[in-house]
């Protein structure tokens, strides 16, 4: 993935998620807050191999965006096939997260990370 192509990034990321994600064990917190048992750990396991890679920031952001979508859908589903998530919905979250990191100059990012994020923000796939 040397060019900023969200469709390719998304398909590559989806391939790292299990075919089906179990959402049955939802734990209510206060108000509208809730957690899904094992979902956070699953995200960490998927993201871990990308730590330190050249494209770490965009790969981790797309995985976080998929996680966010799964978390939102968990309110009404017992299990989910990540392959059935609309790419456009994930891309919206992904672009918003990248833009926020760029706008607030995320201190964890290097100059190369900002350049890569900007390339994705400027691409129109």
Protein backbone atom coordinates (compact mmCIF):
# COMPACT_ATOMS: atom_id res chain seq x y z
CA UNK A 1 0.00 0.00 0.00
CA UNK A 2 2.23 2.79 -1.17
CA UNK A 3 -0.52 5.03 -2.56
CA UNK A 4 -3.34 6.50 -0.56
CA UNK A 5 -6.17 4.20 -1.61
CA UNK A 6 -8.85 3.75 1.04
CA UNK A 7 -10.59 0.88 -0.77
CA UNK A 8 -7.40 -1.19 -0.80
CA UNK A 9 -6.59 -0.26 2.80
CA UNK A 10 -10.10 -1.20 3.92
CA UNK A 11 -10.05 -4.58 2.14
CA UNK A 12 -6.64 -5.38 3.57
CA UNK A 13 -7.81 -4.44 7.07
CA UNK A 14 -11.02 -6.48 6.79
CA UNK A 15 -8.96 -9.55 5.93
CA UNK A 16 -7.36 -9.30 9.38
CA UNK A 17 -10.70 -9.43 11.23
CA UNK A 18 -12.35 -12.77 11.98
CA UNK A 19 -15.17 -13.84 9.69
CA UNK A 20 -17.68 -13.30 12.52
CA UNK A 21 -17.38 -11.16 15.66
CA UNK A 22 -19.35 -12.26 18.70
CA UNK A 23 -21.23 -9.33 20.23
CA UNK A 24 -23.46 -11.33 22.57
CA UNK A 25 -21.78 -10.28 25.80
CA UNK A 26 -22.65 -6.62 26.06
CA UNK A 27 -22.02 -4.98 29.40
CA UNK A 28 -23.95 -1.81 30.14
CA UNK A 29 -22.13 1.03 31.80
CA UNK A 30 -23.78 4.27 32.84
CA UNK A 31 -26.24 5.94 30.46
CA UNK A 32 -25.67 4.92 26.85
CA UNK A 33 -22.17 3.61 27.53
CA UNK A 34 -21.43 -0.07 27.06
CA UNK A 35 -18.61 -2.50 26.34
CA UNK A 36 -18.53 -5.75 24.41
CA UNK A 37 -16.56 -8.50 26.06
CA UNK A 38 -13.44 -9.30 24.07
CA UNK A 39 -13.86 -6.64 21.38
CA UNK A 40 -11.14 -4.33 22.68
CA UNK A 41 -8.72 -7.24 23.07
CA UNK A 42 -9.49 -8.36 19.53
CA UNK A 43 -8.67 -4.88 18.21
CA UNK A 44 -5.36 -4.87 20.08
CA UNK A 45 -4.42 -8.28 18.65
CA UNK A 46 -5.21 -7.10 15.12
CA UNK A 47 -3.33 -3.81 15.48
CA UNK A 48 -0.24 -5.18 17.25
CA UNK A 49 1.63 -6.50 14.17
CA UNK A 50 1.45 -3.03 12.59
CA UNK A 51 3.16 -1.16 15.43
CA UNK A 52 6.35 0.37 14.08
CA UNK A 53 5.45 -0.20 10.43
CA UNK A 54 5.73 2.56 7.85
CA UNK A 55 1.93 2.80 7.55
CA UNK A 56 1.13 2.22 11.23
CA UNK A 57 -0.98 5.34 11.69
CA UNK A 58 -3.33 4.73 8.78
CA UNK A 59 -3.59 0.98 9.35
CA UNK A 60 -4.37 1.45 13.03
CA UNK A 61 -6.85 4.24 12.25
CA UNK A 62 -8.73 2.08 9.75
CA UNK A 63 -8.86 -0.77 12.28
CA UNK A 64 -10.07 1.65 14.96
CA UNK A 65 -12.72 2.88 12.51
CA UNK A 66 -13.90 -0.70 11.85
CA UNK A 67 -13.94 -1.31 15.62
CA UNK A 68 -16.01 1.86 16.12
CA UNK A 69 -18.56 0.72 13.55
CA UNK A 70 -18.78 -2.76 15.09
CA UNK A 71 -19.17 -1.21 18.55
CA UNK A 72 -22.05 0.98 17.32
CA UNK A 73 -23.78 -1.98 15.66
CA UNK A 74 -23.41 -4.13 18.79
CA UNK A 75 -26.39 -2.38 20.36
CA UNK A 76 -28.68 -4.28 18.03
CA UNK A 77 -26.79 -7.41 16.97
CA UNK A 78 -25.54 -10.59 18.64
CA UNK A 79 -22.84 -11.20 16.03
CA UNK A 80 -21.52 -9.42 13.00
CA UNK A 81 -19.62 -10.30 9.86
CA UNK A 82 -17.19 -7.40 9.36
CA UNK A 83 -17.30 -8.04 5.61
CA UNK A 84 -20.90 -6.78 5.61
CA UNK A 85 -19.99 -3.30 6.89
CA UNK A 86 -20.32 -0.57 4.29
CA UNK A 87 -16.87 0.79 3.38
CA UNK A 88 -18.31 4.32 3.12
CA UNK A 89 -19.37 4.25 6.77
CA UNK A 90 -15.89 3.21 7.89
CA UNK A 91 -14.26 5.71 5.55
CA UNK A 92 -16.26 8.55 7.10
CA UNK A 93 -14.98 7.62 10.59
CA UNK A 94 -11.45 7.06 9.24
CA UNK A 95 -11.24 10.45 7.53
CA UNK A 96 -12.68 12.23 10.58
CA UNK A 97 -10.09 10.57 12.84
CA UNK A 98 -7.22 11.42 10.48
CA UNK A 99 -8.39 15.02 10.15
CA UNK A 100 -8.61 15.39 13.92
CA UNK A 101 -5.09 14.01 14.38
CA UNK A 102 -3.74 16.38 11.69
CA UNK A 103 -5.63 19.40 13.01
CA UNK A 104 -4.49 18.87 16.59
CA UNK A 105 -0.97 17.79 15.56
CA UNK A 106 -1.05 14.47 17.39
CA UNK A 107 2.22 14.49 19.38
CA UNK A 108 2.70 10.74 18.89
CA UNK A 109 2.98 11.13 15.13
CA UNK A 110 6.12 11.76 13.08
CA UNK A 111 6.34 14.04 10.04
CA UNK A 112 6.00 10.98 7.79
CA UNK A 113 2.78 10.02 9.58
CA UNK A 114 1.26 13.43 8.94
CA UNK A 115 2.27 13.25 5.27
CA UNK A 116 0.66 9.82 4.90
CA UNK A 117 -2.51 10.96 6.65
CA UNK A 118 -2.66 14.03 4.42
CA UNK A 119 -2.31 11.85 1.32
CA UNK A 120 -5.36 9.84 2.41
CA UNK A 121 -7.31 12.98 3.21
CA UNK A 122 -6.54 14.39 -0.24
CA UNK A 123 -7.36 11.18 -2.11
CA UNK A 124 -10.84 10.66 -3.52
CA UNK A 125 -10.76 6.93 -4.29
